[in-house]
Amino acid sequence: MSVTNAISGLTAAGGLFVIGGGIIPYTIPQFLGSIAVLISSVNIFGGFLISKRMLDMFRRPTDPPEYSYLYTMSGAGMVGSLLYANYSGVPHIELMGYLTSAVLCIGAIVGLAS
């Protein structure tokens, strides 16, 4: 599962680079990049969903509850702020999004390693 999620993550990142920070695709490569991001996102979400179901099989009744829905708050905040900045006319905001995503990814890897 993690290998297919990694491949889909690379496909999604490549599609985001092809899109170039725009929201509406204007050219055929941007349209294809948007489709690649959509399909990769569905595949990544499905992979995490299946992985969670598999891990839930080993869950004990005495384990504390998980609050996974709280993770969506930070993602929605980041996406919302990037969309607001894009509509406000901030130049090269997609580069700030790439930088923020990279820093958060490194932080997640450090958190998993500890």
Protein backbone atom coordinates (compact mmCIF):
# COMPACT_ATOMS: atom_id res chain seq x y z
CA MET A 1 0.00 0.00 0.00
CA SER A 2 2.73 2.47 0.89
CA VAL A 3 4.47 1.92 -2.45
CA THR A 4 1.34 2.72 -4.45
CA ASN A 5 0.70 5.75 -2.24
CA ALA A 6 4.26 6.93 -2.87
CA ILE A 7 3.89 6.50 -6.64
CA SER A 8 0.55 8.31 -6.57
CA GLY A 9 2.13 11.06 -4.49
CA LEU A 10 4.80 11.54 -7.14
CA THR A 11 2.14 11.61 -9.84
CA ALA A 12 0.15 14.19 -7.89
CA ALA A 13 3.24 16.35 -7.32
CA GLY A 14 4.12 16.16 -11.02
CA GLY A 15 0.57 17.10 -11.95
CA LEU A 16 0.74 20.09 -9.61
CA PHE A 17 3.93 21.26 -11.30
CA VAL A 18 2.28 20.91 -14.72
CA ILE A 19 -0.73 22.91 -13.55
CA GLY A 20 1.62 25.69 -12.51
CA GLY A 21 -0.37 27.11 -9.62
CA GLY A 22 -3.49 27.98 -11.57
CA ILE A 23 -6.90 26.87 -10.44
CA ILE A 24 -8.57 26.57 -13.84
CA PRO A 25 -6.65 24.70 -16.56
CA TYR A 26 -6.33 26.65 -19.81
CA THR A 27 -4.17 24.32 -21.91
CA ILE A 28 -4.29 20.61 -22.67
CA PRO A 29 -1.21 19.82 -20.51
CA GLN A 30 -2.75 21.70 -17.59
CA PHE A 31 -6.01 19.79 -18.08
CA LEU A 32 -4.14 16.47 -18.12
CA GLY A 33 -2.19 17.55 -15.03
CA SER A 34 -5.47 18.32 -13.27
CA ILE A 35 -6.80 14.87 -14.14
CA ALA A 36 -3.56 13.29 -12.87
CA VAL A 37 -3.87 15.16 -9.57
CA LEU A 38 -7.53 14.14 -9.21
CA ILE A 39 -6.95 10.46 -9.95
CA SER A 40 -3.83 10.33 -7.76
CA SER A 41 -5.69 11.99 -4.89
CA VAL A 42 -8.48 9.43 -5.12
CA ASN A 43 -5.91 6.62 -5.15
CA ILE A 44 -4.03 8.05 -2.15
CA PHE A 45 -7.26 8.54 -0.18
CA GLY A 46 -8.37 4.99 -1.01
CA GLY A 47 -5.00 3.59 0.04
CA PHE A 48 -5.16 5.32 3.39
CA LEU A 49 -8.75 4.16 3.86
CA ILE A 50 -7.85 0.54 3.16
CA SER A 51 -4.78 0.77 5.41
CA LYS A 52 -6.92 2.14 8.24
CA ARG A 53 -9.41 -0.69 7.85
CA MET A 54 -6.60 -3.24 7.93
CA LEU A 55 -5.10 -1.67 11.06
CA ASP A 56 -8.52 -1.52 12.73
CA MET A 57 -8.66 -5.33 12.57
CA PHE A 58 -5.87 -5.41 15.17
CA ARG A 59 -7.47 -2.80 17.42
CA ARG A 60 -8.35 -3.83 20.99
CA PRO A 61 -11.52 -2.62 22.71
CA THR A 62 -9.36 -1.04 25.45
CA ASP A 63 -7.39 1.18 23.04
CA PRO A 64 -8.06 4.93 23.32
CA PRO A 65 -10.22 6.52 20.61
CA GLU A 66 -8.62 8.20 17.62
CA TYR A 67 -9.61 11.64 16.43
CA SER A 68 -8.47 11.40 12.81
CA TYR A 69 -10.93 14.03 11.60
CA LEU A 70 -8.86 16.70 13.36
CA TYR A 71 -6.17 16.29 10.69
CA THR A 72 -8.53 17.79 8.13
CA MET A 73 -8.58 21.11 9.98
CA SER A 74 -4.94 21.87 9.22
CA GLY A 75 -5.29 20.75 5.61
CA ALA A 76 -8.42 22.82 5.08
CA GLY A 77 -6.71 25.82 6.65
CA MET A 78 -3.70 25.51 4.37
CA VAL A 79 -5.76 25.02 1.21
CA GLY A 80 -8.10 27.84 2.17
CA SER A 81 -5.26 30.26 2.83
CA LEU A 82 -3.58 29.35 -0.47
CA LEU A 83 -6.82 29.87 -2.39
CA TYR A 84 -7.44 33.20 -0.66
CA ALA A 85 -3.91 34.38 -1.42
CA ASN A 86 -4.25 33.24 -5.04
CA TYR A 87 -7.49 35.17 -5.49
CA SER A 88 -5.98 38.20 -3.74
CA GLY A 89 -3.22 38.38 -6.33
CA VAL A 90 -0.19 37.40 -4.22
CA PRO A 91 2.61 36.66 -6.72
CA HIS A 92 4.04 33.12 -6.83
CA ILE A 93 1.86 31.83 -4.01
CA GLU A 94 2.14 28.29 -5.36
CA LEU A 95 5.85 28.35 -4.50
CA MET A 96 4.95 29.17 -0.90
CA GLY A 97 2.53 26.23 -0.96
CA TYR A 98 5.27 23.93 -2.23
CA LEU A 99 7.64 25.16 0.48
CA THR A 100 5.04 24.73 3.21
CA SER A 101 4.18 21.23 1.99
CA ALA A 102 7.85 20.25 1.92
CA VAL A 103 8.46 21.55 5.45
CA LEU A 104 5.36 19.76 6.76
CA CYS A 105 6.44 16.55 5.02
CA ILE A 106 9.88 16.72 6.60
CA GLY A 107 8.26 17.42 9.97
CA ALA A 108 5.99 14.40 9.55
CA ILE A 109 8.95 12.17 8.71
CA VAL A 110 10.82 13.45 11.77
CA GLY A 111 7.74 12.82 13.90
CA LEU A 112 7.42 9.27 12.58
CA ALA A 113 11.09 8.59 13.19
CA SER A 114 10.93 9.55 16.86
